Amino acid sequence: MMSFKQRFLTSLCMSFFMALIMSGVIIGHQVGVTHPEFWLNWRNSFLFAWPIAFLAAFCIQPLVKYLVDKVMSE
């Protein structure tokens, strides 16, 4: 079982990279990476998405670990 600190830091790092990548890909797809406001839109989208991604990752992590453990034990 993960300690609270390990679970917190794992969720923080995972959500950071996932929100960064996904917000960049989606904004790039919507407006194009050469659009003058791409970087501003990406930053705003990332800052909006990261807290949501963190809460989702932190809350769902025990369920995901349980499911992975169950699949791996079969």
N, C-alpha and C. Protein backbone atom coordinates (compact mmCIF):
# COMPACT_ATOMS: atom_id res chain seq x y z
N MET A 1 0.84 -1.19 0.00
CA MET A 1 0.00 0.00 0.00
C MET A 1 0.88 1.24 0.00
N MET A 2 0.49 2.21 -0.79
CA MET A 2 1.24 3.47 -0.88
C MET A 2 0.97 4.33 0.34
N SER A 3 2.01 5.03 0.78
CA SER A 3 1.80 6.01 1.84
C SER A 3 1.07 7.21 1.25
N PHE A 4 0.50 8.02 2.12
CA PHE A 4 -0.22 9.21 1.66
C PHE A 4 0.70 10.12 0.86
N LYS A 5 1.93 10.31 1.35
CA LYS A 5 2.88 11.19 0.67
C LYS A 5 3.23 10.65 -0.73
N GLN A 6 3.44 9.35 -0.83
CA GLN A 6 3.77 8.75 -2.12
C GLN A 6 2.58 8.86 -3.08
N ARG A 7 1.39 8.61 -2.57
CA ARG A 7 0.18 8.72 -3.40
C ARG A 7 -0.04 10.15 -3.86
N PHE A 8 0.18 11.11 -2.96
CA PHE A 8 0.03 12.53 -3.28
C PHE A 8 1.02 12.94 -4.36
N LEU A 9 2.29 12.60 -4.18
CA LEU A 9 3.33 13.00 -5.14
C LEU A 9 3.16 12.31 -6.49
N THR A 10 2.77 11.04 -6.46
CA THR A 10 2.51 10.33 -7.71
C THR A 10 1.37 10.99 -8.48
N SER A 11 0.29 11.30 -7.79
CA SER A 11 -0.85 11.96 -8.42
C SER A 11 -0.48 13.34 -8.94
N LEU A 12 0.32 14.06 -8.17
CA LEU A 12 0.74 15.40 -8.56
C LEU A 12 1.57 15.36 -9.85
N CYS A 13 2.55 14.47 -9.90
CA CYS A 13 3.41 14.36 -11.09
C CYS A 13 2.64 13.83 -12.29
N MET A 14 1.87 12.78 -12.09
CA MET A 14 1.12 12.20 -13.19
C MET A 14 0.12 13.20 -13.76
N SER A 15 -0.60 13.89 -12.90
CA SER A 15 -1.60 14.86 -13.38
C SER A 15 -0.94 16.05 -14.06
N PHE A 16 0.23 16.46 -13.59
CA PHE A 16 0.96 17.57 -14.22
C PHE A 16 1.26 17.24 -15.68
N PHE A 17 1.88 16.09 -15.90
CA PHE A 17 2.27 15.73 -17.26
C PHE A 17 1.08 15.42 -18.14
N MET A 18 0.08 14.76 -17.60
CA MET A 18 -1.10 14.44 -18.39
C MET A 18 -1.85 15.72 -18.78
N ALA A 19 -2.04 16.64 -17.84
CA ALA A 19 -2.73 17.90 -18.14
C ALA A 19 -1.93 18.74 -19.13
N LEU A 20 -0.61 18.75 -18.97
CA LEU A 20 0.25 19.51 -19.87
C LEU A 20 0.16 18.97 -21.30
N ILE A 21 0.29 17.66 -21.45
CA ILE A 21 0.25 17.05 -22.77
C ILE A 21 -1.14 17.17 -23.40
N MET A 22 -2.16 16.80 -22.65
CA MET A 22 -3.51 16.80 -23.22
C MET A 22 -4.00 18.21 -23.56
N SER A 23 -3.75 19.18 -22.70
CA SER A 23 -4.19 20.54 -23.00
C SER A 23 -3.44 21.08 -24.22
N GLY A 24 -2.14 20.77 -24.33
CA GLY A 24 -1.38 21.21 -25.50
C GLY A 24 -1.87 20.59 -26.79
N VAL A 25 -2.13 19.29 -26.75
CA VAL A 25 -2.61 18.60 -27.95
C VAL A 25 -3.98 19.13 -28.37
N ILE A 26 -4.87 19.30 -27.40
CA ILE A 26 -6.23 19.76 -27.73
C ILE A 26 -6.22 21.20 -28.25
N ILE A 27 -5.49 22.09 -27.59
CA ILE A 27 -5.41 23.49 -28.06
C ILE A 27 -4.72 23.54 -29.42
N GLY A 28 -3.66 22.75 -29.58
CA GLY A 28 -2.98 22.71 -30.88
C GLY A 28 -3.90 22.23 -31.98
N HIS A 29 -4.72 21.25 -31.67
CA HIS A 29 -5.67 20.74 -32.66
C HIS A 29 -6.76 21.77 -32.97
N GLN A 30 -7.21 22.48 -31.96
CA GLN A 30 -8.30 23.44 -32.16
C GLN A 30 -7.86 24.70 -32.91
N VAL A 31 -6.74 25.28 -32.51
CA VAL A 31 -6.35 26.57 -33.10
C VAL A 31 -5.09 26.49 -33.95
N GLY A 32 -4.34 25.39 -33.82
CA GLY A 32 -3.08 25.26 -34.55
C GLY A 32 -1.92 25.80 -33.73
N VAL A 33 -0.79 25.14 -33.84
CA VAL A 33 0.36 25.53 -33.02
C VAL A 33 1.01 26.82 -33.50
N THR A 34 0.66 27.27 -34.69
CA THR A 34 1.23 28.53 -35.18
C THR A 34 0.32 29.73 -34.89
N HIS A 35 -0.83 29.47 -34.29
CA HIS A 35 -1.75 30.56 -33.94
C HIS A 35 -1.07 31.49 -32.94
N PRO A 36 -1.23 32.80 -33.10
CA PRO A 36 -0.55 33.75 -32.20
C PRO A 36 -0.91 33.58 -30.72
N GLU A 37 -2.07 33.07 -30.42
CA GLU A 37 -2.48 32.93 -29.02
C GLU A 37 -2.36 31.51 -28.51
N PHE A 38 -1.66 30.65 -29.26
CA PHE A 38 -1.51 29.25 -28.86
C PHE A 38 -0.94 29.12 -27.44
N TRP A 39 0.17 29.80 -27.16
CA TRP A 39 0.84 29.64 -25.86
C TRP A 39 -0.03 30.15 -24.71
N LEU A 40 -0.71 31.26 -24.93
CA LEU A 40 -1.61 31.80 -23.91
C LEU A 40 -2.78 30.85 -23.66
N ASN A 41 -3.37 30.35 -24.73
CA ASN A 41 -4.48 29.41 -24.59
C ASN A 41 -4.03 28.12 -23.92
N TRP A 42 -2.85 27.64 -24.28
CA TRP A 42 -2.32 26.41 -23.68
C TRP A 42 -2.12 26.60 -22.18
N ARG A 43 -1.51 27.71 -21.82
CA ARG A 43 -1.27 27.98 -20.39
C ARG A 43 -2.59 28.03 -19.62
N ASN A 44 -3.56 28.76 -20.15
CA ASN A 44 -4.85 28.88 -19.47
C ASN A 44 -5.57 27.53 -19.36
N SER A 45 -5.52 26.76 -20.43
CA SER A 45 -6.16 25.45 -20.41
C SER A 45 -5.46 24.52 -19.43
N PHE A 46 -4.15 24.55 -19.40
CA PHE A 46 -3.39 23.73 -18.46
C PHE A 46 -3.71 24.10 -17.02
N LEU A 47 -3.72 25.39 -16.72
CA LEU A 47 -3.99 25.82 -15.34
C LEU A 47 -5.42 25.47 -14.91
N PHE A 48 -6.33 25.40 -15.85
CA PHE A 48 -7.69 24.98 -15.55
C PHE A 48 -7.75 23.46 -15.34
N ALA A 49 -7.04 22.73 -16.19
CA ALA A 49 -7.14 21.26 -16.19
C ALA A 49 -6.35 20.59 -15.06
N TRP A 50 -5.21 21.16 -14.68
CA TRP A 50 -4.33 20.47 -13.73
C TRP A 50 -5.00 20.16 -12.39
N PRO A 51 -5.66 21.10 -11.73
CA PRO A 51 -6.30 20.75 -10.45
C PRO A 51 -7.37 19.66 -10.60
N ILE A 52 -8.10 19.71 -11.71
CA ILE A 52 -9.13 18.69 -11.94
C ILE A 52 -8.47 17.33 -12.16
N ALA A 53 -7.40 17.31 -12.95
CA ALA A 53 -6.68 16.07 -13.21
C ALA A 53 -6.06 15.52 -11.92
N PHE A 54 -5.55 16.41 -11.07
CA PHE A 54 -4.97 15.96 -9.81
C PHE A 54 -6.02 15.31 -8.92
N LEU A 55 -7.14 15.96 -8.75
CA LEU A 55 -8.20 15.39 -7.91
C LEU A 55 -8.69 14.06 -8.46
N ALA A 56 -8.85 13.99 -9.78
CA ALA A 56 -9.29 12.74 -10.40
C ALA A 56 -8.26 11.64 -10.18
N ALA A 57 -7.00 11.94 -10.41
CA ALA A 57 -5.94 10.93 -10.25
C ALA A 57 -5.83 10.49 -8.80
N PHE A 58 -5.89 11.43 -7.89
CA PHE A 58 -5.75 11.10 -6.47
C PHE A 58 -6.91 10.24 -5.99
N CYS A 59 -8.12 10.57 -6.43
CA CYS A 59 -9.30 9.84 -5.97
C CYS A 59 -9.43 8.46 -6.62
N ILE A 60 -9.04 8.35 -7.88
CA ILE A 60 -9.25 7.10 -8.60
C ILE A 60 -8.07 6.13 -8.44
N GLN A 61 -6.95 6.61 -7.95
CA GLN A 61 -5.74 5.79 -7.85
C GLN A 61 -5.94 4.48 -7.07
N PRO A 62 -6.62 4.48 -5.93
CA PRO A 62 -6.82 3.20 -5.23
C PRO A 62 -7.62 2.18 -6.05
N LEU A 63 -8.62 2.66 -6.76
CA LEU A 63 -9.41 1.76 -7.60
C LEU A 63 -8.57 1.18 -8.73
N VAL A 64 -7.77 2.03 -9.37
CA VAL A 64 -6.92 1.58 -10.46
C VAL A 64 -5.90 0.56 -9.94
N LYS A 65 -5.30 0.83 -8.79
CA LYS A 65 -4.34 -0.12 -8.21
C LYS A 65 -5.02 -1.45 -7.92
N TYR A 66 -6.20 -1.42 -7.37
CA TYR A 66 -6.95 -2.65 -7.08
C TYR A 66 -7.21 -3.44 -8.37
N LEU A 67 -7.67 -2.75 -9.42
CA LEU A 67 -7.97 -3.43 -10.67
C LEU A 67 -6.71 -4.01 -11.32
N VAL A 68 -5.62 -3.26 -11.29
CA VAL A 68 -4.36 -3.77 -11.85
C VAL A 68 -3.87 -4.96 -11.07
N ASP A 69 -3.93 -4.89 -9.74
CA ASP A 69 -3.53 -6.03 -8.91
C ASP A 69 -4.38 -7.25 -9.21
N LYS A 70 -5.65 -7.03 -9.42
CA LYS A 70 -6.58 -8.15 -9.72
C LYS A 70 -6.23 -8.79 -11.07
N VAL A 71 -5.98 -7.97 -12.08
CA VAL A 71 -5.63 -8.49 -13.40
C VAL A 71 -4.28 -9.21 -13.36
N MET A 72 -3.33 -8.65 -12.63
CA MET A 72 -1.99 -9.23 -12.58
C MET A 72 -1.95 -10.54 -11.80
N SER A 73 -2.88 -10.73 -10.90
CA SER A 73 -2.88 -11.96 -10.09
C SER A 73 -3.50 -13.13 -10.84
N GLU A 74 -4.18 -12.88 -11.93
CA GLU A 74 -4.84 -13.96 -12.68
C GLU A 74 -3.87 -14.65 -13.61
